[in-house]
C-alpha atoms as a PDB file:
ATOM      1  CA  THR A   1     -90.857  20.712 -18.360  1.00  0.00           C
ATOM      2  CA  ALA A   2     -89.189  21.624 -21.634  1.00  0.00           C
ATOM      3  CA  LEU A   3     -91.353  24.695 -22.172  1.00  0.00           C
ATOM      4  CA  HIS A   4     -90.531  25.963 -18.677  1.00  0.00           C
ATOM      5  CA  ARG A   5     -86.809  25.598 -19.421  1.00  0.00           C
ATOM      6  CA  LEU A   6     -87.298  27.552 -22.644  1.00  0.00           C
ATOM      7  CA  ARG A   7     -89.244  30.250 -20.784  1.00  0.00           C
ATOM      8  CA  ARG A   8     -86.430  30.618 -18.243  1.00  0.00           C
ATOM      9  CA  ALA A   9     -83.861  30.991 -21.035  1.00  0.00           C
ATOM     10  CA  ALA A  10     -86.001  33.588 -22.824  1.00  0.00           C
ATOM     11  CA  CYS A  11     -86.514  37.246 -21.966  1.00  0.00           C
ATOM     12  CA  LEU A  12     -90.235  37.895 -22.055  1.00  0.00           C
ATOM     13  CA  GLU A  13     -89.607  41.506 -20.998  1.00  0.00           C
ATOM     14  CA  ALA A  14     -88.086  42.186 -24.426  1.00  0.00           C
ATOM     15  CA  GLY A  15     -91.277  41.615 -26.423  1.00  0.00           C
ATOM     16  CA  HIS A  16     -93.193  44.567 -27.840  1.00  0.00           C
ATOM     17  CA  GLN A  17     -96.211  43.866 -25.591  1.00  0.00           C
ATOM     18  CA  SER A  18     -94.274  43.504 -22.343  1.00  0.00           C
ATOM     19  CA  LEU A  19     -94.703  45.976 -19.506  1.00  0.00           C
ATOM     20  CA  GLU A  20     -91.150  47.207 -20.152  1.00  0.00           C
ATOM     21  CA  CYS A  21     -91.925  48.008 -23.799  1.00  0.00           C
ATOM     22  CA  ILE A  22     -95.603  48.934 -23.692  1.00  0.00           C
ATOM     23  CA  ASP A  23     -94.837  52.580 -22.954  1.00  0.00           C
ATOM     24  CA  SER A  24     -92.125  52.759 -25.613  1.00  0.00           C
ATOM     25  CA  PRO A  25     -92.473  55.595 -28.069  1.00  0.00           C
ATOM     26  CA  ARG A  26     -94.515  54.990 -31.190  1.00  0.00           C
ATOM     27  CA  CYS A  27     -94.808  56.951 -34.365  1.00  0.00           C
ATOM     28  CA  HIS A  28     -97.349  59.722 -33.954  1.00  0.00           C
ATOM     29  CA  PRO A  29    -100.233  59.562 -36.408  1.00  0.00           C
ATOM     30  CA  GLU A  30     -99.403  61.024 -39.793  1.00  0.00           C
ATOM     31  CA  THR A  31     -95.641  60.897 -39.137  1.00  0.00           C
ATOM     32  CA  ARG A  32     -92.990  58.709 -40.754  1.00  0.00           C
ATOM     33  CA  ILE A  33     -95.610  57.667 -43.294  1.00  0.00           C
ATOM     34  CA  ALA A  34     -93.120  57.056 -46.114  1.00  0.00           C
ATOM     35  CA  VAL A  35     -90.797  54.824 -44.075  1.00  0.00           C
ATOM     36  CA  LEU A  36     -93.711  52.907 -42.511  1.00  0.00           C
ATOM     37  CA  ASP A  37     -95.252  52.414 -45.972  1.00  0.00           C
ATOM     38  CA  ASP A  38     -91.908  51.148 -47.302  1.00  0.00           C
ATOM     39  CA  ILE A  39     -91.553  48.702 -44.415  1.00  0.00           C
ATOM     40  CA  MET A  40     -95.128  47.454 -44.713  1.00  0.00           C
ATOM     41  CA  SER A  41     -94.693  47.037 -48.476  1.00  0.00           C
ATOM     42  CA  TRP A  42     -91.640  44.893 -47.747  1.00  0.00           C
ATOM     43  CA  VAL A  43     -93.560  42.897 -45.099  1.00  0.00           C
ATOM     44  CA  ASN A  44     -96.486  42.329 -47.466  1.00  0.00           C
ATOM     45  CA  SER A  45     -94.390  41.539 -50.545  1.00  0.00           C
ATOM     46  CA  GLU A  46     -95.346  38.293 -52.256  1.00  0.00           C
ATOM     47  CA  THR A  47     -91.906  38.044 -53.866  1.00  0.00           C
ATOM     48  CA  LEU A  48     -89.689  38.637 -50.878  1.00  0.00           C
ATOM     49  CA  ASN A  49     -86.209  38.691 -52.417  1.00  0.00           C
ATOM     50  CA  GLU A  50     -84.579  40.291 -49.390  1.00  0.00           C
ATOM     51  CA  ARG A  51     -85.210  38.405 -46.179  1.00  0.00           C
ATOM     52  CA  ILE A  52     -83.730  41.095 -43.942  1.00  0.00           C
ATOM     53  CA  LEU A  53     -84.729  44.735 -43.765  1.00  0.00           C
ATOM     54  CA  TRP A  54     -82.144  46.743 -41.859  1.00  0.00           C
ATOM     55  CA  LEU A  55     -83.304  50.091 -40.517  1.00  0.00           C
ATOM     56  CA  SER A  56     -80.376  52.283 -39.583  1.00  0.00           C
ATOM     57  CA  GLY A  57     -79.905  55.865 -38.510  1.00  0.00           C
ATOM     58  CA  PRO A  58     -78.276  58.052 -35.877  1.00  0.00           C
ATOM     59  CA  PRO A  59     -79.277  57.789 -32.200  1.00  0.00           C
ATOM     60  CA  GLY A  60     -82.573  59.520 -31.527  1.00  0.00           C
ATOM     61  CA  ALA A  61     -83.763  59.277 -35.145  1.00  0.00           C
ATOM     62  CA  GLY A  62     -86.829  57.247 -34.158  1.00  0.00           C
ATOM     63  CA  LYS A  63     -85.803  53.722 -35.136  1.00  0.00           C
ATOM     64  CA  SER A  64     -87.245  52.241 -31.940  1.00  0.00           C
ATOM     65  CA  SER A  65     -90.514  54.122 -32.433  1.00  0.00           C
ATOM     66  CA  ILE A  66     -90.733  52.728 -35.944  1.00  0.00           C
ATOM     67  CA  ALA A  67     -89.916  49.198 -34.721  1.00  0.00           C
ATOM     68  CA  GLN A  68     -92.568  49.415 -31.980  1.00  0.00           C
ATOM     69  CA  THR A  69     -95.173  50.756 -34.418  1.00  0.00           C
ATOM     70  CA  VAL A  70     -94.401  48.080 -37.015  1.00  0.00           C
ATOM     71  CA  SER A  71     -94.466  45.355 -34.335  1.00  0.00           C
ATOM     72  CA  GLU A  72     -97.886  46.442 -33.130  1.00  0.00           C
ATOM     73  CA  LYS A  73     -99.314  46.809 -36.630  1.00  0.00           C
ATOM     74  CA  CYS A  74     -97.973  43.438 -37.763  1.00  0.00           C
ATOM     75  CA  HIS A  75     -99.142  41.755 -34.559  1.00  0.00           C
ATOM     76  CA  ASP A  76    -102.631  43.133 -35.167  1.00  0.00           C
ATOM     77  CA  GLU A  77    -102.483  41.757 -38.726  1.00  0.00           C
ATOM     78  CA  SER A  78    -101.195  38.329 -37.548  1.00  0.00           C
ATOM     79  CA  LYS A  79     -97.881  38.807 -39.351  1.00  0.00           C
ATOM     80  CA  LEU A  80     -95.567  39.147 -36.362  1.00  0.00           C
ATOM     81  CA  LEU A  81     -93.903  35.992 -35.112  1.00  0.00           C
ATOM     82  CA  SER A  82     -91.618  37.582 -32.548  1.00  0.00           C
ATOM     83  CA  SER A  83     -90.136  40.833 -31.327  1.00  0.00           C
ATOM     84  CA  PHE A  84     -87.103  41.559 -29.194  1.00  0.00           C
ATOM     85  CA  PHE A  85     -86.232  45.065 -28.014  1.00  0.00           C
ATOM     86  CA  PHE A  86     -82.710  45.199 -26.601  1.00  0.00           C
ATOM     87  CA  SER A  87     -82.004  47.700 -23.821  1.00  0.00           C
ATOM     88  CA  ARG A  88     -78.657  48.325 -22.186  1.00  0.00           C
ATOM     89  CA  MET A  89     -80.545  49.545 -19.090  1.00  0.00           C
ATOM     90  CA  ASP A  90     -81.855  46.026 -18.366  1.00  0.00           C
ATOM     91  CA  ALA A  91     -79.452  43.107 -17.805  1.00  0.00           C
ATOM     92  CA  ARG A  92     -81.849  40.552 -19.288  1.00  0.00           C
ATOM     93  CA  ARG A  93     -82.798  42.690 -22.306  1.00  0.00           C
ATOM     94  CA  SER A  94     -79.135  43.386 -23.061  1.00  0.00           C
ATOM     95  CA  ASP A  95     -78.186  39.685 -22.996  1.00  0.00           C
ATOM     96  CA  GLY A  96     -77.790  38.424 -26.557  1.00  0.00           C
ATOM     97  CA  ASN A  97     -77.975  34.827 -25.340  1.00  0.00           C
ATOM     98  CA  ARG A  98     -81.670  35.392 -24.640  1.00  0.00           C
ATOM     99  CA  LEU A  99     -82.563  36.441 -28.206  1.00  0.00           C
ATOM    100  CA  VAL A 100     -83.089  33.033 -29.841  1.00  0.00           C
ATOM    101  CA  PRO A 101     -84.784  31.413 -26.825  1.00  0.00           C
ATOM    102  CA  THR A 102     -87.162  34.394 -26.790  1.00  0.00           C
ATOM    103  CA  ILE A 103     -87.960  33.974 -30.488  1.00  0.00           C
ATOM    104  CA  ALA A 104     -88.444  30.230 -29.912  1.00  0.00           C
ATOM    105  CA  TYR A 105     -90.693  30.799 -26.892  1.00  0.00           C
ATOM    106  CA  GLN A 106     -92.795  33.353 -28.756  1.00  0.00           C
ATOM    107  CA  LEU A 107     -93.095  30.897 -31.659  1.00  0.00           C
ATOM    108  CA  ALA A 108     -94.216  28.139 -29.281  1.00  0.00           C
ATOM    109  CA  THR A 109     -96.826  30.368 -27.654  1.00  0.00           C
ATOM    110  CA  GLU A 110     -97.986  32.195 -30.808  1.00  0.00           C
ATOM    111  CA  ILE A 111     -98.672  29.026 -32.789  1.00  0.00           C
ATOM    112  CA  PRO A 112    -100.202  26.255 -30.663  1.00  0.00           C
ATOM    113  CA  GLU A 113     -99.075  23.561 -33.121  1.00  0.00           C
ATOM    114  CA  ALA A 114     -95.474  24.732 -32.669  1.00  0.00           C
ATOM    115  CA  ASN A 115     -95.681  24.162 -28.939  1.00  0.00           C
ATOM    116  CA  SER A 116     -95.579  20.348 -29.152  1.00  0.00           C
ATOM    117  CA  ILE A 117     -92.783  20.445 -31.746  1.00  0.00           C
ATOM    118  CA  MET A 118     -90.699  22.750 -29.551  1.00  0.00           C
ATOM    119  CA  ILE A 119     -91.270  20.595 -26.466  1.00  0.00           C
ATOM    120  CA  GLU A 120     -90.218  17.510 -28.430  1.00  0.00           C
ATOM    121  CA  GLN A 121     -87.054  19.181 -29.729  1.00  0.00           C
ATOM    122  CA  ILE A 122     -85.983  20.449 -26.297  1.00  0.00           C
ATOM    123  CA  SER A 123     -86.786  17.096 -24.677  1.00  0.00           C
ATOM    124  CA  ASP A 124     -84.781  15.243 -27.355  1.00  0.00           C
ATOM    125  CA  ASP A 125     -81.748  17.501 -26.830  1.00  0.00           C
ATOM    126  CA  ILE A 126     -81.675  18.872 -23.306  1.00  0.00           C
ATOM    127  CA  SER A 127     -78.440  20.763 -24.035  1.00  0.00           C
ATOM    128  CA  ILE A 128     -79.970  22.769 -26.901  1.00  0.00           C
ATOM    129  CA  LEU A 129     -80.565  25.804 -24.679  1.00  0.00           C
ATOM    130  CA  LYS A 130     -76.839  25.878 -23.860  1.00  0.00           C
ATOM    131  CA  SER A 131     -75.807  25.582 -27.525  1.00  0.00           C
ATOM    132  CA  THR A 132     -74.628  28.391 -29.780  1.00  0.00           C
ATOM    133  CA  MET A 133     -77.040  30.941 -31.186  1.00  0.00           C
ATOM    134  CA  ALA A 134     -76.704  29.409 -34.656  1.00  0.00           C
ATOM    135  CA  ILE A 135     -77.551  25.905 -33.426  1.00  0.00           C
ATOM    136  CA  GLN A 136     -80.507  27.190 -31.403  1.00  0.00           C
ATOM    137  CA  MET A 137     -81.826  29.153 -34.383  1.00  0.00           C
ATOM    138  CA  THR A 138     -81.442  26.182 -36.721  1.00  0.00           C
ATOM    139  CA  ASP A 139     -82.652  23.427 -34.397  1.00  0.00           C
ATOM    140  CA  LEU A 140     -85.380  25.249 -32.495  1.00  0.00           C
ATOM    141  CA  VAL A 141     -86.796  28.047 -34.629  1.00  0.00           C
ATOM    142  CA  LEU A 142     -86.115  27.079 -38.246  1.00  0.00           C
ATOM    143  CA  ALA A 143     -86.697  23.351 -37.742  1.00  0.00           C
ATOM    144  CA  THR A 144     -90.021  24.079 -36.052  1.00  0.00           C
ATOM    145  CA  LEU A 145     -91.107  26.404 -38.861  1.00  0.00           C
ATOM    146  CA  ARG A 146     -90.084  23.842 -41.493  1.00  0.00           C
ATOM    147  CA  ARG A 147     -92.053  21.118 -39.743  1.00  0.00           C
ATOM    148  CA  LEU A 148     -95.088  23.390 -39.544  1.00  0.00           C
ATOM    149  CA  GLU A 149     -94.833  24.287 -43.225  1.00  0.00           C
ATOM    150  CA  THR A 150     -94.155  20.836 -44.646  1.00  0.00           C
ATOM    151  CA  GLY A 151     -95.190  18.260 -42.088  1.00  0.00           C
ATOM    152  CA  ALA A 152     -98.407  16.749 -40.938  1.00  0.00           C
ATOM    153  CA  LYS A 153     -99.059  19.842 -38.854  1.00  0.00           C
ATOM    154  CA  LYS A 154     -99.524  21.958 -41.999  1.00  0.00           C
ATOM    155  CA  SER A 155    -103.158  21.003 -42.350  1.00  0.00           C
ATOM    156  CA  GLN A 156    -103.770  22.211 -38.798  1.00  0.00           C
ATOM    157  CA  VAL A 157    -102.017  25.577 -39.241  1.00  0.00           C
ATOM    158  CA  SER A 158    -103.915  28.089 -41.320  1.00  0.00           C
ATOM    159  CA  HIS A 159    -101.380  30.893 -41.105  1.00  0.00           C
ATOM    160  CA  ILE A 160     -97.774  31.101 -39.987  1.00  0.00           C
ATOM    161  CA  PRO A 161     -96.569  34.602 -39.109  1.00  0.00           C
ATOM    162  CA  TYR A 162     -93.078  35.197 -40.395  1.00  0.00           C
ATOM    163  CA  LEU A 163     -91.858  38.588 -39.229  1.00  0.00           C
ATOM    164  CA  VAL A 164     -89.258  38.915 -36.462  1.00  0.00           C
ATOM    165  CA  VAL A 165     -88.501  42.461 -35.288  1.00  0.00           C
ATOM    166  CA  ILE A 166     -85.220  43.040 -33.452  1.00  0.00           C
ATOM    167  CA  ASP A 167     -84.558  46.540 -32.156  1.00  0.00           C
ATOM    168  CA  GLY A 168     -81.533  48.077 -30.489  1.00  0.00           C
ATOM    169  CA  LEU A 169     -79.006  45.413 -31.423  1.00  0.00           C
ATOM    170  CA  ASP A 170     -76.301  47.936 -30.542  1.00  0.00           C
ATOM    171  CA  GLU A 171     -77.572  47.749 -26.937  1.00  0.00           C
ATOM    172  CA  CYS A 172     -76.556  44.089 -26.623  1.00  0.00           C
ATOM    173  CA  ARG A 173     -73.877  44.161 -23.925  1.00  0.00           C
ATOM    174  CA  ASP A 174     -71.625  41.640 -25.699  1.00  0.00           C
ATOM    175  CA  SER A 175     -70.667  43.433 -28.904  1.00  0.00           C
ATOM    176  CA  SER A 176     -69.403  40.188 -30.474  1.00  0.00           C
ATOM    177  CA  MET A 177     -73.001  38.837 -30.306  1.00  0.00           C
ATOM    178  CA  GLN A 178     -74.107  41.690 -32.556  1.00  0.00           C
ATOM    179  CA  PHE A 179     -72.309  40.051 -35.470  1.00  0.00           C
ATOM    180  CA  LYS A 180     -73.736  36.575 -34.960  1.00  0.00           C
END
């Protein structure tokens, strides 16, 4: 089926709740309070002018711990749509081609109403999972979200999470994918 094809294209091991990520470091209580507060203020902002928050720093500074902590907190608050933690130590988690299918799969499984839309879109265009990242993002993820927000499904969906956390982009094995 279409959802099975999407699942095969995705990398479920890259999500914040996967077995591979569950033991990832988190921020210890009472640490990194200022940066976590800043991020959560951005997440909770009603007037979100900046759609992307880029957390940067030297290796070992704790960016992955912050990303894991934010992912868990936002998941608990029903604000997390998707998470992807790249890792150069894992061939699937370092494959940039798996990023958008993973976001799409998590969208389809996080929001039941999105599932039927996603199945329809993949069934209508069986080559979509072999298309470019930009086409997949536009035709699978964004189109599904737009249909949920504006279409007949809106009355059935009480809340659409909107946050996507991507960690370790520098660990994507194809460096050209990092710029897409």
